[in-house]
């Protein structure tokens, strides 16, 4: 899950990743399903394509897809 956030930070940059407030809050609470749901509920998800699907599944399960 740290790798998911690191991947997003690398591609989005710090300021745009900071816009994922609900996802970050869910991560802080270890609510991985909510964090994944917040990833899906973003423009980023539809723009990134297959990588977003892979990262969402990794966030949800904790396993690299």
C-alpha atoms as a PDB file:
ATOM      1  CA  UNK A   1       0.000   0.000   0.000  1.00  0.00           C
ATOM      2  CA  UNK A   2       2.964   2.262   0.592  1.00  0.00           C
ATOM      3  CA  UNK A   3       4.076   1.414  -2.938  1.00  0.00           C
ATOM      4  CA  UNK A   4       0.661   2.457  -4.268  1.00  0.00           C
ATOM      5  CA  UNK A   5       0.933   5.861  -2.594  1.00  0.00           C
ATOM      6  CA  UNK A   6       4.560   6.204  -3.700  1.00  0.00           C
ATOM      7  CA  UNK A   7       3.569   5.360  -7.282  1.00  0.00           C
ATOM      8  CA  UNK A   8       0.793   7.925  -7.203  1.00  0.00           C
ATOM      9  CA  UNK A   9       3.111  10.534  -5.645  1.00  0.00           C
ATOM     10  CA  UNK A  10       5.726   9.977  -8.337  1.00  0.00           C
ATOM     11  CA  UNK A  11       3.201  10.323 -11.152  1.00  0.00           C
ATOM     12  CA  UNK A  12       0.933  13.002  -9.704  1.00  0.00           C
ATOM     13  CA  UNK A  13       3.376  15.055  -7.698  1.00  0.00           C
ATOM     14  CA  UNK A  14       3.012  16.085  -4.071  1.00  0.00           C
ATOM     15  CA  UNK A  15       0.457  18.840  -4.595  1.00  0.00           C
ATOM     16  CA  UNK A  16      -1.954  16.794  -6.713  1.00  0.00           C
ATOM     17  CA  UNK A  17      -1.638  13.741  -4.446  1.00  0.00           C
ATOM     18  CA  UNK A  18      -2.551  16.015  -1.535  1.00  0.00           C
ATOM     19  CA  UNK A  19      -5.912  16.511  -3.262  1.00  0.00           C
ATOM     20  CA  UNK A  20      -6.814  12.897  -2.460  1.00  0.00           C
ATOM     21  CA  UNK A  21      -7.851  13.932   1.054  1.00  0.00           C
ATOM     22  CA  UNK A  22     -10.452  11.194   1.609  1.00  0.00           C
ATOM     23  CA  UNK A  23      -8.108   8.500   0.299  1.00  0.00           C
ATOM     24  CA  UNK A  24      -5.319   9.700   2.577  1.00  0.00           C
ATOM     25  CA  UNK A  25      -7.694   9.805   5.555  1.00  0.00           C
ATOM     26  CA  UNK A  26      -8.827   6.243   4.790  1.00  0.00           C
ATOM     27  CA  UNK A  27      -5.188   5.112   4.615  1.00  0.00           C
ATOM     28  CA  UNK A  28      -4.508   6.749   7.985  1.00  0.00           C
ATOM     29  CA  UNK A  29      -7.380   4.672   9.405  1.00  0.00           C
ATOM     30  CA  UNK A  30      -6.194   1.504   7.584  1.00  0.00           C
ATOM     31  CA  UNK A  31      -9.537   1.383   5.777  1.00  0.00           C
ATOM     32  CA  UNK A  32      -8.112  -0.029   2.567  1.00  0.00           C
ATOM     33  CA  UNK A  33     -11.465  -0.611   0.871  1.00  0.00           C
ATOM     34  CA  UNK A  34     -12.469   3.015   1.392  1.00  0.00           C
ATOM     35  CA  UNK A  35      -9.067   4.189   0.163  1.00  0.00           C
ATOM     36  CA  UNK A  36      -9.520   2.090  -2.985  1.00  0.00           C
ATOM     37  CA  UNK A  37     -13.069   3.396  -3.416  1.00  0.00           C
ATOM     38  CA  UNK A  38     -11.746   6.959  -3.224  1.00  0.00           C
ATOM     39  CA  UNK A  39      -9.172   6.147  -5.897  1.00  0.00           C
ATOM     40  CA  UNK A  40     -11.977   4.929  -8.163  1.00  0.00           C
ATOM     41  CA  UNK A  41     -14.021   8.066  -7.423  1.00  0.00           C
ATOM     42  CA  UNK A  42     -11.496  10.399  -9.036  1.00  0.00           C
ATOM     43  CA  UNK A  43     -10.739  11.786 -12.469  1.00  0.00           C
ATOM     44  CA  UNK A  44      -7.263  10.247 -12.111  1.00  0.00           C
ATOM     45  CA  UNK A  45      -8.733   6.739 -12.184  1.00  0.00           C
ATOM     46  CA  UNK A  46     -10.352   7.144 -15.586  1.00  0.00           C
ATOM     47  CA  UNK A  47      -7.331   8.969 -17.012  1.00  0.00           C
ATOM     48  CA  UNK A  48      -4.696   6.421 -16.007  1.00  0.00           C
ATOM     49  CA  UNK A  49      -6.393   3.271 -17.289  1.00  0.00           C
ATOM     50  CA  UNK A  50      -4.993  -0.180 -16.479  1.00  0.00           C
ATOM     51  CA  UNK A  51      -2.382   1.113 -14.047  1.00  0.00           C
ATOM     52  CA  UNK A  52      -5.132   2.685 -11.941  1.00  0.00           C
ATOM     53  CA  UNK A  53      -7.034  -0.604 -11.855  1.00  0.00           C
ATOM     54  CA  UNK A  54      -3.872  -2.434 -10.763  1.00  0.00           C
ATOM     55  CA  UNK A  55      -3.086   0.134  -8.064  1.00  0.00           C
ATOM     56  CA  UNK A  56      -6.676   0.101  -6.798  1.00  0.00           C
ATOM     57  CA  UNK A  57      -6.572  -3.681  -6.431  1.00  0.00           C
ATOM     58  CA  UNK A  58      -3.203  -3.487  -4.695  1.00  0.00           C
ATOM     59  CA  UNK A  59      -4.598  -0.904  -2.258  1.00  0.00           C
ATOM     60  CA  UNK A  60      -7.637  -3.077  -1.572  1.00  0.00           C
ATOM     61  CA  UNK A  61      -5.819  -6.392  -1.100  1.00  0.00           C
ATOM     62  CA  UNK A  62      -2.284  -5.469  -0.110  1.00  0.00           C
ATOM     63  CA  UNK A  63      -0.946  -7.740  -2.857  1.00  0.00           C
ATOM     64  CA  UNK A  64       0.732  -6.693  -6.087  1.00  0.00           C
ATOM     65  CA  UNK A  65      -1.625  -7.462  -8.958  1.00  0.00           C
END
